Amino acid sequence: MSDEGGAAKKTDNGPVTHLCEHPSCQKWGGFGFAIGKAAPNWFCVVHRPAIWPPSKQA
């Protein structure tokens, strides 16, 4: 899986980091989920979805 253009570099020579996309969370988003060639969504261990894609609730 390649890194996307929207990811922020931690340092010039360091790894690319993804932050959790949950509102008000700034933890490392180590769990990336994508459908097909869509841009992935990144979540931390606390906010990662149990299933992906999230089921639509009525």
N, C-alpha and C. Protein backbone atom coordinates (compact mmCIF):
# COMPACT_ATOMS: atom_id res chain seq x y z
N MET A 1 0.85 -1.17 0.00
CA MET A 1 0.00 0.00 0.00
C MET A 1 0.90 1.23 0.00
N SER A 2 0.64 2.14 -0.88
CA SER A 2 1.47 3.33 -0.98
C SER A 2 0.92 4.44 -0.08
N ASP A 3 1.80 5.37 0.23
CA ASP A 3 1.39 6.52 1.03
C ASP A 3 0.72 7.54 0.13
N GLU A 4 -0.32 8.17 0.61
CA GLU A 4 -1.08 9.12 -0.17
C GLU A 4 -0.48 10.51 -0.04
N GLY A 5 -0.83 11.38 -0.97
CA GLY A 5 -0.31 12.73 -0.97
C GLY A 5 -0.77 13.56 0.21
N GLY A 6 -1.88 13.18 0.88
CA GLY A 6 -2.39 13.94 2.00
C GLY A 6 -1.73 13.63 3.32
N ALA A 7 -0.84 12.66 3.34
CA ALA A 7 -0.17 12.29 4.58
C ALA A 7 0.92 13.31 4.89
N ALA A 8 1.16 13.53 6.17
CA ALA A 8 2.17 14.49 6.60
C ALA A 8 3.44 13.74 7.00
N LYS A 9 4.58 14.23 6.53
CA LYS A 9 5.84 13.61 6.91
C LYS A 9 6.22 14.05 8.31
N LYS A 10 6.66 13.09 9.11
CA LYS A 10 7.09 13.41 10.47
C LYS A 10 8.42 14.17 10.43
N THR A 11 9.34 13.69 9.65
CA THR A 11 10.62 14.36 9.41
C THR A 11 10.97 14.19 7.94
N ASP A 12 12.01 14.85 7.50
CA ASP A 12 12.41 14.70 6.10
C ASP A 12 12.81 13.27 5.77
N ASN A 13 13.46 12.60 6.70
CA ASN A 13 13.93 11.24 6.45
C ASN A 13 13.12 10.19 7.20
N GLY A 14 12.14 10.62 7.94
CA GLY A 14 11.37 9.69 8.76
C GLY A 14 10.16 9.12 8.05
N PRO A 15 9.39 8.34 8.76
CA PRO A 15 8.21 7.71 8.17
C PRO A 15 7.08 8.71 7.95
N VAL A 16 6.19 8.35 7.05
CA VAL A 16 4.99 9.15 6.83
C VAL A 16 3.97 8.75 7.89
N THR A 17 3.37 9.73 8.54
CA THR A 17 2.42 9.43 9.60
C THR A 17 1.01 9.80 9.17
N HIS A 18 0.06 9.03 9.63
CA HIS A 18 -1.36 9.30 9.39
C HIS A 18 -2.01 9.48 10.75
N LEU A 19 -2.75 10.56 10.91
CA LEU A 19 -3.44 10.80 12.17
C LEU A 19 -4.85 10.23 12.09
N CYS A 20 -5.40 9.87 13.23
CA CYS A 20 -6.76 9.34 13.32
C CYS A 20 -7.74 10.38 12.78
N GLU A 21 -8.72 9.91 12.00
CA GLU A 21 -9.70 10.81 11.40
C GLU A 21 -10.92 11.06 12.28
N HIS A 22 -10.94 10.46 13.45
CA HIS A 22 -12.05 10.69 14.38
C HIS A 22 -11.96 12.13 14.87
N PRO A 23 -13.10 12.84 14.96
CA PRO A 23 -13.05 14.24 15.43
C PRO A 23 -12.38 14.37 16.79
N SER A 24 -11.52 15.34 16.92
CA SER A 24 -10.78 15.71 18.13
C SER A 24 -9.77 14.66 18.58
N CYS A 25 -9.45 13.68 17.77
CA CYS A 25 -8.43 12.70 18.12
C CYS A 25 -7.17 13.00 17.32
N GLN A 26 -6.04 13.05 17.97
CA GLN A 26 -4.77 13.34 17.30
C GLN A 26 -3.78 12.20 17.45
N LYS A 27 -4.27 10.99 17.72
CA LYS A 27 -3.38 9.83 17.87
C LYS A 27 -2.96 9.32 16.49
N TRP A 28 -1.94 8.48 16.49
CA TRP A 28 -1.45 7.88 15.26
C TRP A 28 -2.51 6.96 14.68
N GLY A 29 -2.83 7.14 13.40
CA GLY A 29 -3.82 6.31 12.72
C GLY A 29 -3.15 5.14 12.04
N GLY A 30 -2.93 4.09 12.76
CA GLY A 30 -2.24 2.92 12.23
C GLY A 30 -3.12 1.96 11.46
N PHE A 31 -4.41 2.20 11.43
CA PHE A 31 -5.34 1.31 10.75
C PHE A 31 -5.98 2.05 9.58
N GLY A 32 -5.57 1.70 8.36
CA GLY A 32 -6.09 2.34 7.17
C GLY A 32 -7.08 1.44 6.45
N PHE A 33 -8.19 2.01 6.04
CA PHE A 33 -9.23 1.26 5.35
C PHE A 33 -9.60 1.99 4.07
N ALA A 34 -9.72 1.25 2.97
CA ALA A 34 -10.11 1.84 1.69
C ALA A 34 -10.95 0.83 0.92
N ILE A 35 -11.81 1.35 0.08
CA ILE A 35 -12.62 0.52 -0.81
C ILE A 35 -12.14 0.78 -2.23
N GLY A 36 -11.66 -0.25 -2.90
CA GLY A 36 -11.15 -0.08 -4.25
C GLY A 36 -9.96 0.85 -4.28
N LYS A 37 -9.99 1.81 -5.20
CA LYS A 37 -8.88 2.76 -5.32
C LYS A 37 -9.17 4.08 -4.64
N ALA A 38 -10.18 4.12 -3.80
CA ALA A 38 -10.53 5.33 -3.06
C ALA A 38 -9.43 5.66 -2.04
N ALA A 39 -9.37 6.90 -1.65
CA ALA A 39 -8.42 7.31 -0.62
C ALA A 39 -8.76 6.61 0.69
N PRO A 40 -7.77 6.11 1.40
CA PRO A 40 -8.05 5.39 2.64
C PRO A 40 -8.44 6.34 3.78
N ASN A 41 -9.14 5.79 4.73
CA ASN A 41 -9.46 6.48 5.97
C ASN A 41 -8.59 5.87 7.05
N TRP A 42 -8.01 6.71 7.91
CA TRP A 42 -7.07 6.24 8.91
C TRP A 42 -7.65 6.44 10.31
N PHE A 43 -7.51 5.42 11.15
CA PHE A 43 -8.04 5.46 12.51
C PHE A 43 -7.03 4.89 13.50
N CYS A 44 -7.09 5.36 14.74
CA CYS A 44 -6.24 4.81 15.80
C CYS A 44 -6.87 3.52 16.32
N VAL A 45 -6.18 2.86 17.23
CA VAL A 45 -6.67 1.58 17.76
C VAL A 45 -7.98 1.76 18.52
N VAL A 46 -8.20 2.90 19.14
CA VAL A 46 -9.43 3.14 19.90
C VAL A 46 -10.62 3.38 18.98
N HIS A 47 -10.42 4.11 17.88
CA HIS A 47 -11.53 4.51 17.02
C HIS A 47 -11.68 3.70 15.74
N ARG A 48 -10.87 2.67 15.55
CA ARG A 48 -11.00 1.88 14.32
C ARG A 48 -12.35 1.20 14.28
N PRO A 49 -12.96 1.12 13.12
CA PRO A 49 -14.27 0.47 13.03
C PRO A 49 -14.12 -1.04 13.17
N ALA A 50 -15.12 -1.66 13.77
CA ALA A 50 -15.10 -3.11 13.94
C ALA A 50 -15.27 -3.81 12.60
N ILE A 51 -16.06 -3.19 11.71
CA ILE A 51 -16.24 -3.71 10.35
C ILE A 51 -16.04 -2.58 9.37
N TRP A 52 -15.59 -2.88 8.18
CA TRP A 52 -15.40 -1.86 7.16
C TRP A 52 -15.95 -2.37 5.86
N PRO A 53 -16.74 -1.63 5.14
CA PRO A 53 -17.21 -0.30 5.47
C PRO A 53 -18.25 -0.32 6.59
N PRO A 54 -18.38 0.77 7.33
CA PRO A 54 -19.37 0.80 8.40
C PRO A 54 -20.77 0.55 7.84
N SER A 55 -21.52 -0.26 8.53
CA SER A 55 -22.87 -0.58 8.05
C SER A 55 -23.76 0.66 8.17
N LYS A 56 -24.66 0.80 7.22
CA LYS A 56 -25.60 1.92 7.25
C LYS A 56 -26.72 1.56 8.20
N GLN A 57 -26.92 2.42 9.17
CA GLN A 57 -27.96 2.16 10.16
C GLN A 57 -29.22 2.93 9.79
N ALA A 58 -30.35 2.32 10.01
CA ALA A 58 -31.65 2.94 9.67
C ALA A 58 -32.05 4.00 10.66
